[in-house]
C-alpha atoms as a PDB file:
ATOM      1  CA  MET A   1       8.453  -6.108  18.083  1.00  0.00           C
ATOM      2  CA  GLN A   2       5.060  -7.346  16.504  1.00  0.00           C
ATOM      3  CA  LYS A   3       3.605  -4.472  18.702  1.00  0.00           C
ATOM      4  CA  ALA A   4       5.957  -2.107  17.168  1.00  0.00           C
ATOM      5  CA  VAL A   5       5.187  -3.682  13.628  1.00  0.00           C
ATOM      6  CA  SER A   6       1.790  -3.167  14.293  1.00  0.00           C
ATOM      7  CA  LEU A   7       2.377   0.454  15.543  1.00  0.00           C
ATOM      8  CA  PHE A   8       3.992   1.210  12.359  1.00  0.00           C
ATOM      9  CA  ALA A   9       0.982  -0.312  10.051  1.00  0.00           C
ATOM     10  CA  LEU A  10      -1.546   1.858  11.894  1.00  0.00           C
ATOM     11  CA  GLY A  11       0.481   4.937  11.644  1.00  0.00           C
ATOM     12  CA  PHE A  12       1.841   4.706   7.944  1.00  0.00           C
ATOM     13  CA  LEU A  13      -2.604   4.139   7.342  1.00  0.00           C
ATOM     14  CA  ALA A  14      -3.040   6.875   9.187  1.00  0.00           C
ATOM     15  CA  PHE A  15      -0.754   8.626   7.186  1.00  0.00           C
ATOM     16  CA  ILE A  16      -2.226   7.546   3.717  1.00  0.00           C
ATOM     17  CA  LEU A  17      -5.973   8.817   5.132  1.00  0.00           C
ATOM     18  CA  TRP A  18      -4.117  11.891   5.631  1.00  0.00           C
ATOM     19  CA  ILE A  19      -2.935  12.069   2.429  1.00  0.00           C
ATOM     20  CA  ILE A  20      -6.052  10.893   1.064  1.00  0.00           C
ATOM     21  CA  TYR A  21      -8.187  13.368   2.556  1.00  0.00           C
ATOM     22  CA  LEU A  22      -5.843  16.413   0.925  1.00  0.00           C
ATOM     23  CA  ALA A  23      -6.348  14.794  -2.095  1.00  0.00           C
ATOM     24  CA  ASP A  24      -9.945  14.330  -1.803  1.00  0.00           C
ATOM     25  CA  THR A  25     -10.251  18.216  -0.550  1.00  0.00           C
ATOM     26  CA  GLY A  26      -8.189  19.688  -2.912  1.00  0.00           C
ATOM     27  CA  GLY A  27      -5.763  20.634  -0.377  1.00  0.00           C
ATOM     28  CA  ALA A  28      -1.814  21.305  -1.122  1.00  0.00           C
ATOM     29  CA  SER A  29       0.818  19.320   0.497  1.00  0.00           C
ATOM     30  CA  ILE A  30       4.713  19.301  -0.299  1.00  0.00           C
ATOM     31  CA  PHE A  31       4.185  15.736  -0.500  1.00  0.00           C
ATOM     32  CA  PHE A  32       2.082  16.595  -3.911  1.00  0.00           C
ATOM     33  CA  ASP A  33       4.851  19.228  -4.815  1.00  0.00           C
ATOM     34  CA  PHE A  34       7.266  16.862  -4.529  1.00  0.00           C
ATOM     35  CA  VAL A  35       5.457  13.587  -6.504  1.00  0.00           C
ATOM     36  CA  GLN A  36       4.690  15.912  -9.291  1.00  0.00           C
ATOM     37  CA  SER A  37       8.185  17.048  -9.663  1.00  0.00           C
ATOM     38  CA  ILE A  38       9.311  13.530 -10.104  1.00  0.00           C
ATOM     39  CA  PRO A  39       8.675  11.877 -13.623  1.00  0.00           C
ATOM     40  CA  TYR A  40       5.756   9.193 -13.172  1.00  0.00           C
ATOM     41  CA  GLY A  41       6.041  10.403  -9.466  1.00  0.00           C
ATOM     42  CA  ASP A  42       2.064   9.648  -9.008  1.00  0.00           C
ATOM     43  CA  LYS A  43       2.648   6.178 -10.228  1.00  0.00           C
ATOM     44  CA  LEU A  44       5.748   5.852  -8.003  1.00  0.00           C
ATOM     45  CA  GLY A  45       4.013   7.476  -5.250  1.00  0.00           C
ATOM     46  CA  HIS A  46       1.043   4.656  -5.317  1.00  0.00           C
ATOM     47  CA  PHE A  47       3.352   1.716  -5.767  1.00  0.00           C
ATOM     48  CA  CYS A  48       5.952   2.577  -3.073  1.00  0.00           C
ATOM     49  CA  LEU A  49       2.616   4.015  -0.384  1.00  0.00           C
ATOM     50  CA  PHE A  50       0.587   0.573  -0.807  1.00  0.00           C
ATOM     51  CA  GLY A  51       3.702  -1.412  -1.105  1.00  0.00           C
ATOM     52  CA  VAL A  52       5.137  -0.413   1.999  1.00  0.00           C
ATOM     53  CA  LEU A  53       1.440  -0.520   3.643  1.00  0.00           C
ATOM     54  CA  THR A  54       1.232  -3.858   2.415  1.00  0.00           C
ATOM     55  CA  LEU A  55       4.654  -4.696   3.755  1.00  0.00           C
ATOM     56  CA  ALA A  56       3.928  -3.220   7.050  1.00  0.00           C
ATOM     57  CA  ALA A  57       0.220  -5.142   7.045  1.00  0.00           C
ATOM     58  CA  ASN A  58       1.573  -8.414   6.278  1.00  0.00           C
ATOM     59  CA  PHE A  59       3.800  -8.657   9.043  1.00  0.00           C
ATOM     60  CA  ALA A  60       1.312  -6.878  11.303  1.00  0.00           C
ATOM     61  CA  PHE A  61      -0.812  -9.954  10.375  1.00  0.00           C
ATOM     62  CA  LYS A  62       2.154 -12.317  11.603  1.00  0.00           C
ATOM     63  CA  THR A  63       2.574 -13.110   7.660  1.00  0.00           C
ATOM     64  CA  LYS A  64      -1.107 -15.062   7.839  1.00  0.00           C
ATOM     65  CA  HIS A  65      -1.773 -15.862   4.019  1.00  0.00           C
ATOM     66  CA  LEU A  66      -4.215 -18.503   1.950  1.00  0.00           C
ATOM     67  CA  LYS A  67      -2.501 -20.443  -0.287  1.00  0.00           C
ATOM     68  CA  LEU A  68      -3.444 -19.969  -4.257  1.00  0.00           C
ATOM     69  CA  GLY A  69      -1.315 -23.361  -5.538  1.00  0.00           C
ATOM     70  CA  PRO A  70       2.151 -22.603  -4.611  1.00  0.00           C
ATOM     71  CA  ILE A  71       1.394 -18.736  -4.148  1.00  0.00           C
ATOM     72  CA  PRO A  72       0.830 -17.498  -0.394  1.00  0.00           C
ATOM     73  CA  LEU A  73      -2.174 -14.372  -0.857  1.00  0.00           C
ATOM     74  CA  TYR A  74      -1.224 -12.466   2.375  1.00  0.00           C
ATOM     75  CA  VAL A  75      -4.038 -11.483   4.709  1.00  0.00           C
ATOM     76  CA  GLY A  76      -2.510  -8.205   5.112  1.00  0.00           C
ATOM     77  CA  ALA A  77      -1.895  -7.803   1.048  1.00  0.00           C
ATOM     78  CA  LEU A  78      -5.628  -8.675   0.569  1.00  0.00           C
ATOM     79  CA  CYS A  79      -6.766  -6.009   3.261  1.00  0.00           C
ATOM     80  CA  VAL A  80      -4.514  -3.448   1.328  1.00  0.00           C
ATOM     81  CA  LEU A  81      -5.326  -4.600  -1.850  1.00  0.00           C
ATOM     82  CA  THR A  82      -9.229  -4.130  -0.818  1.00  0.00           C
ATOM     83  CA  PHE A  83      -8.779  -0.710   0.437  1.00  0.00           C
ATOM     84  CA  ALA A  84      -6.698   0.481  -2.747  1.00  0.00           C
ATOM     85  CA  ILE A  85      -9.656  -0.613  -4.960  1.00  0.00           C
ATOM     86  CA  GLY A  86     -11.990   1.040  -3.269  1.00  0.00           C
ATOM     87  CA  GLU A  87     -10.075   4.411  -2.476  1.00  0.00           C
ATOM     88  CA  GLU A  88      -9.498   4.129  -6.369  1.00  0.00           C
ATOM     89  CA  LEU A  89     -12.891   3.697  -7.165  1.00  0.00           C
ATOM     90  CA  THR A  90     -13.854   6.772  -4.685  1.00  0.00           C
ATOM     91  CA  GLN A  91     -12.533   9.020  -6.613  1.00  0.00           C
ATOM     92  CA  ALA A  92     -15.273   9.084  -9.267  1.00  0.00           C
ATOM     93  CA  PHE A  93     -17.359  11.153  -6.732  1.00  0.00           C
ATOM     94  CA  PHE A  94     -14.805  13.671  -6.022  1.00  0.00           C
ATOM     95  CA  PRO A  95     -14.295  17.118  -8.452  1.00  0.00           C
ATOM     96  CA  SER A  96     -10.330  17.173  -7.363  1.00  0.00           C
ATOM     97  CA  ARG A  97      -9.591  13.996  -8.312  1.00  0.00           C
ATOM     98  CA  THR A  98      -9.680  11.559 -11.401  1.00  0.00           C
ATOM     99  CA  LEU A  99     -10.254   7.731 -11.152  1.00  0.00           C
ATOM    100  CA  ASP A 100      -7.372   6.370 -13.476  1.00  0.00           C
ATOM    101  CA  ILE A 101      -6.472   2.696 -13.963  1.00  0.00           C
ATOM    102  CA  THR A 102      -3.009   3.190 -14.001  1.00  0.00           C
ATOM    103  CA  ASP A 103      -3.119   4.090 -10.486  1.00  0.00           C
ATOM    104  CA  VAL A 104      -5.016   1.256  -9.763  1.00  0.00           C
ATOM    105  CA  MET A 105      -2.380  -1.097 -11.540  1.00  0.00           C
ATOM    106  CA  ALA A 106       0.893   0.871  -9.463  1.00  0.00           C
ATOM    107  CA  ASP A 107      -1.209   0.009  -6.425  1.00  0.00           C
ATOM    108  CA  VAL A 108      -1.228  -3.767  -7.468  1.00  0.00           C
ATOM    109  CA  ALA A 109       2.401  -3.277  -8.665  1.00  0.00           C
ATOM    110  CA  GLY A 110       3.132  -2.036  -5.182  1.00  0.00           C
ATOM    111  CA  ILE A 111       1.219  -4.759  -3.494  1.00  0.00           C
ATOM    112  CA  ALA A 112       2.811  -7.529  -5.297  1.00  0.00           C
ATOM    113  CA  PHE A 113       6.413  -6.810  -5.024  1.00  0.00           C
ATOM    114  CA  PHE A 114       6.337  -6.198  -1.149  1.00  0.00           C
ATOM    115  CA  SER A 115       4.188  -9.430  -1.321  1.00  0.00           C
ATOM    116  CA  TRP A 116       6.957 -10.865  -2.907  1.00  0.00           C
ATOM    117  CA  VAL A 117      10.010  -8.815  -0.449  1.00  0.00           C
ATOM    118  CA  THR A 118       7.251 -10.271   2.689  1.00  0.00           C
ATOM    119  CA  LEU A 119       8.072 -13.936   1.103  1.00  0.00           C
ATOM    120  CA  LEU A 120      11.545 -13.114   1.106  1.00  0.00           C
ATOM    121  CA  LEU A 121      12.086 -11.937   4.305  1.00  0.00           C
ATOM    122  CA  SER A 122       9.986 -14.423   6.110  1.00  0.00           C
ATOM    123  CA  ALA A 123      11.956 -16.885   4.660  1.00  0.00           C
ATOM    124  CA  ASN A 124      14.900 -15.679   5.644  1.00  0.00           C
ATOM    125  CA  LYS A 125      13.798 -15.511   9.017  1.00  0.00           C
ATOM    126  CA  ALA A 126      12.521 -18.755   9.007  1.00  0.00           C
ATOM    127  CA  ALA A 127      16.021 -20.177   7.578  1.00  0.00           C
ATOM    128  CA  GLU A 128      17.636 -18.270  10.715  1.00  0.00           C
ATOM    129  CA  SER A 129      15.410 -19.694  13.267  1.00  0.00           C
END
């Protein structure tokens, strides 16, 4: 099961990298058309993409975490946060992209929400053992 989770995380990261490549190069995609057809679709996309990546990364890293008081900071979430902020900052260098703080906020919200989901799932898993 651990191998499957890790492979999913890597595959999902590859998917996000492909989406980023298309956006950076001004390419078209059915995904972009779909996102544009939904109100706040761009922000929802950021929330979901980086959130699902966070969930997958948290379990790929076996829910390893650091403690900030009572709050677990998952290694996977920290990796995704670093990646998301770095990716958003690079948008300043592409004419087809727009550096947008609300995108970063949507990324952070997705990372935080899916870290909470990780906490719930891992607590539930521990209770079943």
